[in-house]
Amino acid sequence: MYFPYYGKRVHVNYTQPVVAVQFANATANMEHHVECRLNAAGLRADDERDKFAGRVAFRLRINRD
């Protein structure tokens, strides 16, 4: 219903989705690369020209002394 997102003027009642992830066995003091992808009928998340269409990537580091 809200894809593609055109902004608050067009999609007045839109709220951003919330996703929670638990890393139960993440190794401390090490960098972990995480990528979340959107999977849905009719949406492409594998376009090499736009690597972040339908996905977000980040690095996670849990520091413990």
PDB file of N, CA and C in Angstrom:
ATOM      1  N   MET A   1       0.816  -1.197   0.000  1.00  0.00           N
ATOM      2  CA  MET A   1       0.000   0.000   0.000  1.00  0.00           C
ATOM      3  C   MET A   1       0.861   1.264   0.000  1.00  0.00           C
ATOM      4  N   TYR A   2       2.018   1.233   0.670  1.00  0.00           N
ATOM      5  CA  TYR A   2       2.870   2.408   0.753  1.00  0.00           C
ATOM      6  C   TYR A   2       4.155   2.273  -0.056  1.00  0.00           C
ATOM      7  N   PHE A   3       4.215   1.322  -0.984  1.00  0.00           N
ATOM      8  CA  PHE A   3       5.415   1.190  -1.810  1.00  0.00           C
ATOM      9  C   PHE A   3       5.084   1.505  -3.239  1.00  0.00           C
ATOM     10  N   PRO A   4       5.781   2.347  -3.931  1.00  0.00           N
ATOM     11  CA  PRO A   4       6.875   3.154  -3.385  1.00  0.00           C
ATOM     12  C   PRO A   4       6.353   4.278  -2.497  1.00  0.00           C
ATOM     13  N   TYR A   5       7.170   4.646  -1.541  1.00  0.00           N
ATOM     14  CA  TYR A   5       6.819   5.701  -0.581  1.00  0.00           C
ATOM     15  C   TYR A   5       7.065   7.062  -1.213  1.00  0.00           C
ATOM     16  N   TYR A   6       6.046   7.918  -1.225  1.00  0.00           N
ATOM     17  CA  TYR A   6       6.142   9.238  -1.853  1.00  0.00           C
ATOM     18  C   TYR A   6       6.182  10.388  -0.854  1.00  0.00           C
ATOM     19  N   GLY A   7       6.305  10.108   0.424  1.00  0.00           N
ATOM     20  CA  GLY A   7       6.396  11.173   1.412  1.00  0.00           C
ATOM     21  C   GLY A   7       5.098  11.392   2.170  1.00  0.00           C
ATOM     22  N   LYS A   8       5.186  12.210   3.221  1.00  0.00           N
ATOM     23  CA  LYS A   8       4.042  12.450   4.120  1.00  0.00           C
ATOM     24  C   LYS A   8       2.882  13.162   3.449  1.00  0.00           C
ATOM     25  N   ARG A   9       3.144  13.961   2.433  1.00  0.00           N
ATOM     26  CA  ARG A   9       2.040  14.670   1.768  1.00  0.00           C
ATOM     27  C   ARG A   9       1.099  13.710   1.051  1.00  0.00           C
ATOM     28  N   VAL A  10       1.662  12.669   0.457  1.00  0.00           N
ATOM     29  CA  VAL A  10       0.853  11.682  -0.260  1.00  0.00           C
ATOM     30  C   VAL A  10       0.349  10.593   0.684  1.00  0.00           C
ATOM     31  N   HIS A  11       1.241  10.075   1.532  1.00  0.00           N
ATOM     32  CA  HIS A  11       0.896   9.003   2.471  1.00  0.00           C
ATOM     33  C   HIS A  11       0.794   9.585   3.874  1.00  0.00           C
ATOM     34  N   VAL A  12      -0.313  10.229   4.158  1.00  0.00           N
ATOM     35  CA  VAL A  12      -0.507  10.969   5.400  1.00  0.00           C
ATOM     36  C   VAL A  12      -0.438  10.061   6.631  1.00  0.00           C
ATOM     37  N   ASN A  13      -0.985   8.877   6.578  1.00  0.00           N
ATOM     38  CA  ASN A  13      -1.054   7.990   7.739  1.00  0.00           C
ATOM     39  C   ASN A  13       0.097   6.998   7.821  1.00  0.00           C
ATOM     40  N   TYR A  14       1.133   7.178   7.040  1.00  0.00           N
ATOM     41  CA  TYR A  14       2.256   6.239   7.013  1.00  0.00           C
ATOM     42  C   TYR A  14       3.062   6.306   8.303  1.00  0.00           C
ATOM     43  N   THR A  15       3.414   5.139   8.839  1.00  0.00           N
ATOM     44  CA  THR A  15       4.358   5.047   9.942  1.00  0.00           C
ATOM     45  C   THR A  15       5.436   4.052   9.539  1.00  0.00           C
ATOM     46  N   GLN A  16       6.668   4.330   9.927  1.00  0.00           N
ATOM     47  CA  GLN A  16       7.774   3.464   9.559  1.00  0.00           C
ATOM     48  C   GLN A  16       7.655   2.114  10.245  1.00  0.00           C
ATOM     49  N   PRO A  17       7.991   1.052   9.525  1.00  0.00           N
ATOM     50  CA  PRO A  17       7.946  -0.269  10.162  1.00  0.00           C
ATOM     51  C   PRO A  17       9.061  -0.415  11.186  1.00  0.00           C
ATOM     52  N   VAL A  18       8.834  -1.241  12.176  1.00  0.00           N
ATOM     53  CA  VAL A  18       9.832  -1.508  13.214  1.00  0.00           C
ATOM     54  C   VAL A  18      10.222  -2.978  13.118  1.00  0.00           C
ATOM     55  N   VAL A  19      11.503  -3.230  13.140  1.00  0.00           N
ATOM     56  CA  VAL A  19      12.012  -4.596  13.081  1.00  0.00           C
ATOM     57  C   VAL A  19      12.939  -4.793  14.267  1.00  0.00           C
ATOM     58  N   ALA A  20      12.790  -5.908  14.963  1.00  0.00           N
ATOM     59  CA  ALA A  20      13.663  -6.230  16.090  1.00  0.00           C
ATOM     60  C   ALA A  20      14.425  -7.506  15.770  1.00  0.00           C
ATOM     61  N   VAL A  21      15.699  -7.494  16.087  1.00  0.00           N
ATOM     62  CA  VAL A  21      16.549  -8.660  15.858  1.00  0.00           C
ATOM     63  C   VAL A  21      17.351  -8.905  17.122  1.00  0.00           C
ATOM     64  N   GLN A  22      17.453 -10.162  17.521  1.00  0.00           N
ATOM     65  CA  GLN A  22      18.262 -10.515  18.682  1.00  0.00           C
ATOM     66  C   GLN A  22      19.444 -11.348  18.199  1.00  0.00           C
ATOM     67  N   PHE A  23      20.635 -10.906  18.556  1.00  0.00           N
ATOM     68  CA  PHE A  23      21.852 -11.631  18.220  1.00  0.00           C
ATOM     69  C   PHE A  23      22.259 -12.421  19.457  1.00  0.00           C
ATOM     70  N   ALA A  24      21.875 -13.665  19.511  1.00  0.00           N
ATOM     71  CA  ALA A  24      22.080 -14.474  20.708  1.00  0.00           C
ATOM     72  C   ALA A  24      23.534 -14.894  20.902  1.00  0.00           C
ATOM     73  N   ASN A  25      24.249 -15.135  19.818  1.00  0.00           N
ATOM     74  CA  ASN A  25      25.608 -15.648  19.930  1.00  0.00           C
ATOM     75  C   ASN A  25      26.625 -14.774  19.212  1.00  0.00           C
ATOM     76  N   ALA A  26      26.428 -13.473  19.201  1.00  0.00           N
ATOM     77  CA  ALA A  26      27.368 -12.571  18.534  1.00  0.00           C
ATOM     78  C   ALA A  26      28.677 -12.540  19.314  1.00  0.00           C
ATOM     79  N   THR A  27      29.772 -12.706  18.602  1.00  0.00           N
ATOM     80  CA  THR A  27      31.086 -12.719  19.230  1.00  0.00           C
ATOM     81  C   THR A  27      31.472 -11.307  19.638  1.00  0.00           C
ATOM     82  N   ALA A  28      31.883 -11.146  20.886  1.00  0.00           N
ATOM     83  CA  ALA A  28      32.272  -9.828  21.390  1.00  0.00           C
ATOM     84  C   ALA A  28      33.601  -9.404  20.782  1.00  0.00           C
ATOM     85  N   ASN A  29      33.799  -8.083  20.706  1.00  0.00           N
ATOM     86  CA  ASN A  29      35.036  -7.470  20.207  1.00  0.00           C
ATOM     87  C   ASN A  29      35.345  -7.873  18.771  1.00  0.00           C
ATOM     88  N   MET A  30      34.311  -8.086  17.993  1.00  0.00           N
ATOM     89  CA  MET A  30      34.464  -8.454  16.590  1.00  0.00           C
ATOM     90  C   MET A  30      33.383  -7.745  15.791  1.00  0.00           C
ATOM     91  N   GLU A  31      33.706  -7.316  14.583  1.00  0.00           N
ATOM     92  CA  GLU A  31      32.741  -6.619  13.741  1.00  0.00           C
ATOM     93  C   GLU A  31      31.915  -7.626  12.953  1.00  0.00           C
ATOM     94  N   HIS A  32      30.586  -7.461  13.008  1.00  0.00           N
ATOM     95  CA  HIS A  32      29.664  -8.329  12.281  1.00  0.00           C
ATOM     96  C   HIS A  32      28.947  -7.489  11.229  1.00  0.00           C
ATOM     97  N   HIS A  33      28.886  -7.982  10.011  1.00  0.00           N
ATOM     98  CA  HIS A  33      28.190  -7.301   8.921  1.00  0.00           C
ATOM     99  C   HIS A  33      26.774  -7.863   8.837  1.00  0.00           C
ATOM    100  N   VAL A  34      25.779  -6.975   8.875  1.00  0.00           N
ATOM    101  CA  VAL A  34      24.369  -7.375   8.881  1.00  0.00           C
ATOM    102  C   VAL A  34      23.683  -6.720   7.701  1.00  0.00           C
ATOM    103  N   GLU A  35      22.876  -7.490   6.991  1.00  0.00           N
ATOM    104  CA  GLU A  35      22.097  -6.945   5.888  1.00  0.00           C
ATOM    105  C   GLU A  35      20.668  -7.443   5.999  1.00  0.00           C
ATOM    106  N   CYS A  36      19.708  -6.537   5.951  1.00  0.00           N
ATOM    107  CA  CYS A  36      18.291  -6.879   5.983  1.00  0.00           C
ATOM    108  C   CYS A  36      17.708  -6.566   4.614  1.00  0.00           C
ATOM    109  N   ARG A  37      16.980  -7.524   4.059  1.00  0.00           N
ATOM    110  CA  ARG A  37      16.393  -7.352   2.725  1.00  0.00           C
ATOM    111  C   ARG A  37      14.879  -7.469   2.781  1.00  0.00           C
ATOM    112  N   LEU A  38      14.241  -6.713   1.930  1.00  0.00           N
ATOM    113  CA  LEU A  38      12.796  -6.749   1.787  1.00  0.00           C
ATOM    114  C   LEU A  38      12.451  -7.804   0.751  1.00  0.00           C
ATOM    115  N   ASN A  39      11.603  -8.747   1.117  1.00  0.00           N
ATOM    116  CA  ASN A  39      11.150  -9.788   0.198  1.00  0.00           C
ATOM    117  C   ASN A  39       9.644  -9.712   0.073  1.00  0.00           C
ATOM    118  N   ALA A  40       9.176  -9.387  -1.128  1.00  0.00           N
ATOM    119  CA  ALA A  40       7.743  -9.310  -1.371  1.00  0.00           C
ATOM    120  C   ALA A  40       7.490  -9.475  -2.863  1.00  0.00           C
ATOM    121  N   ALA A  41       6.330  -9.938  -3.205  1.00  0.00           N
ATOM    122  CA  ALA A  41       5.970 -10.123  -4.607  1.00  0.00           C
ATOM    123  C   ALA A  41       5.997  -8.777  -5.334  1.00  0.00           C
ATOM    124  N   GLY A  42       6.657  -8.750  -6.463  1.00  0.00           N
ATOM    125  CA  GLY A  42       6.687  -7.530  -7.267  1.00  0.00           C
ATOM    126  C   GLY A  42       7.764  -6.536  -6.882  1.00  0.00           C
ATOM    127  N   LEU A  43       8.537  -6.801  -5.838  1.00  0.00           N
ATOM    128  CA  LEU A  43       9.606  -5.900  -5.425  1.00  0.00           C
ATOM    129  C   LEU A  43      10.955  -6.546  -5.710  1.00  0.00           C
ATOM    130  N   ARG A  44      11.873  -5.756  -6.250  1.00  0.00           N
ATOM    131  CA  ARG A  44      13.191  -6.280  -6.566  1.00  0.00           C
ATOM    132  C   ARG A  44      14.204  -5.707  -5.587  1.00  0.00           C
ATOM    133  N   ALA A  45      14.978  -6.581  -4.980  1.00  0.00           N
ATOM    134  CA  ALA A  45      16.037  -6.162  -4.059  1.00  0.00           C
ATOM    135  C   ALA A  45      17.392  -6.656  -4.544  1.00  0.00           C
ATOM    136  N   ASP A  46      17.485  -6.977  -5.854  1.00  0.00           N
ATOM    137  CA  ASP A  46      18.729  -7.518  -6.386  1.00  0.00           C
ATOM    138  C   ASP A  46      19.256  -6.710  -7.575  1.00  0.00           C
ATOM    139  N   ASP A  47      18.892  -5.439  -7.661  1.00  0.00           N
ATOM    140  CA  ASP A  47      19.341  -4.584  -8.752  1.00  0.00           C
ATOM    141  C   ASP A  47      20.752  -4.085  -8.458  1.00  0.00           C
ATOM    142  N   GLU A  48      21.715  -4.461  -9.268  1.00  0.00           N
ATOM    143  CA  GLU A  48      23.106  -4.064  -9.049  1.00  0.00           C
ATOM    144  C   GLU A  48      23.315  -2.561  -9.230  1.00  0.00           C
ATOM    145  N   ARG A  49      22.420  -1.887  -9.960  1.00  0.00           N
ATOM    146  CA  ARG A  49      22.564  -0.441 -10.147  1.00  0.00           C
ATOM    147  C   ARG A  49      22.172   0.342  -8.904  1.00  0.00           C
ATOM    148  N   ASP A  50      21.303  -0.213  -8.081  1.00  0.00           N
ATOM    149  CA  ASP A  50      20.895   0.424  -6.828  1.00  0.00           C
ATOM    150  C   ASP A  50      20.975  -0.629  -5.731  1.00  0.00           C
ATOM    151  N   LYS A  51      22.150  -0.787  -5.135  1.00  0.00           N
ATOM    152  CA  LYS A  51      22.406  -1.865  -4.186  1.00  0.00           C
ATOM    153  C   LYS A  51      21.589  -1.759  -2.898  1.00  0.00           C
ATOM    154  N   PHE A  52      21.022  -0.591  -2.580  1.00  0.00           N
ATOM    155  CA  PHE A  52      20.280  -0.439  -1.330  1.00  0.00           C
ATOM    156  C   PHE A  52      18.780  -0.318  -1.541  1.00  0.00           C
ATOM    157  N   ALA A  53      18.300  -0.585  -2.737  1.00  0.00           N
ATOM    158  CA  ALA A  53      16.855  -0.607  -2.968  1.00  0.00           C
ATOM    159  C   ALA A  53      16.283  -1.839  -2.278  1.00  0.00           C
ATOM    160  N   GLY A  54      15.426  -1.657  -1.316  1.00  0.00           N
ATOM    161  CA  GLY A  54      14.799  -2.767  -0.618  1.00  0.00           C
ATOM    162  C   GLY A  54      15.680  -3.440   0.417  1.00  0.00           C
ATOM    163  N   ARG A  55      16.763  -2.778   0.831  1.00  0.00           N
ATOM    164  CA  ARG A  55      17.636  -3.378   1.845  1.00  0.00           C
ATOM    165  C   ARG A  55      18.379  -2.316   2.637  1.00  0.00           C
ATOM    166  N   VAL A  56      18.867  -2.722   3.784  1.00  0.00           N
ATOM    167  CA  VAL A  56      19.693  -1.861   4.611  1.00  0.00           C
ATOM    168  C   VAL A  56      20.847  -2.717   5.122  1.00  0.00           C
ATOM    169  N   ALA A  57      22.032  -2.130   5.181  1.00  0.00           N
ATOM    170  CA  ALA A  57      23.208  -2.858   5.659  1.00  0.00           C
ATOM    171  C   ALA A  57      23.900  -2.028   6.725  1.00  0.00           C
ATOM    172  N   PHE A  58      24.426  -2.709   7.741  1.00  0.00           N
ATOM    173  CA  PHE A  58      25.158  -2.005   8.792  1.00  0.00           C
ATOM    174  C   PHE A  58      26.147  -2.956   9.433  1.00  0.00           C
ATOM    175  N   ARG A  59      27.039  -2.390  10.226  1.00  0.00           N
ATOM    176  CA  ARG A  59      28.015  -3.182  10.961  1.00  0.00           C
ATOM    177  C   ARG A  59      27.694  -3.110  12.444  1.00  0.00           C
ATOM    178  N   LEU A  60      27.863  -4.228  13.125  1.00  0.00           N
ATOM    179  CA  LEU A  60      27.568  -4.334  14.554  1.00  0.00           C
ATOM    180  C   LEU A  60      28.828  -4.776  15.276  1.00  0.00           C
ATOM    181  N   ARG A  61      29.156  -4.078  16.340  1.00  0.00           N
ATOM    182  CA  ARG A  61      30.298  -4.469  17.172  1.00  0.00           C
ATOM    183  C   ARG A  61      29.870  -4.358  18.626  1.00  0.00           C
ATOM    184  N   ILE A  62      30.051  -5.434  19.379  1.00  0.00           N
ATOM    185  CA  ILE A  62      29.729  -5.459  20.807  1.00  0.00           C
ATOM    186  C   ILE A  62      31.061  -5.474  21.544  1.00  0.00           C
ATOM    187  N   ASN A  63      31.374  -4.383  22.200  1.00  0.00           N
ATOM    188  CA  ASN A  63      32.643  -4.278  22.927  1.00  0.00           C
ATOM    189  C   ASN A  63      32.488  -4.754  24.357  1.00  0.00           C
ATOM    190  N   ARG A  64      33.347  -5.656  24.735  1.00  0.00           N
ATOM    191  CA  ARG A  64      33.401  -6.136  26.113  1.00  0.00           C
ATOM    192  C   ARG A  64      34.859  -6.157  26.528  1.00  0.00           C
ATOM    193  N   ASP A  65      35.147  -5.644  27.680  1.00  0.00           N
ATOM    194  CA  ASP A  65      36.520  -5.632  28.174  1.00  0.00           C
ATOM    195  C   ASP A  65      36.804  -6.799  29.068  1.00  0.00           C
TER     196      ASP A  65
END
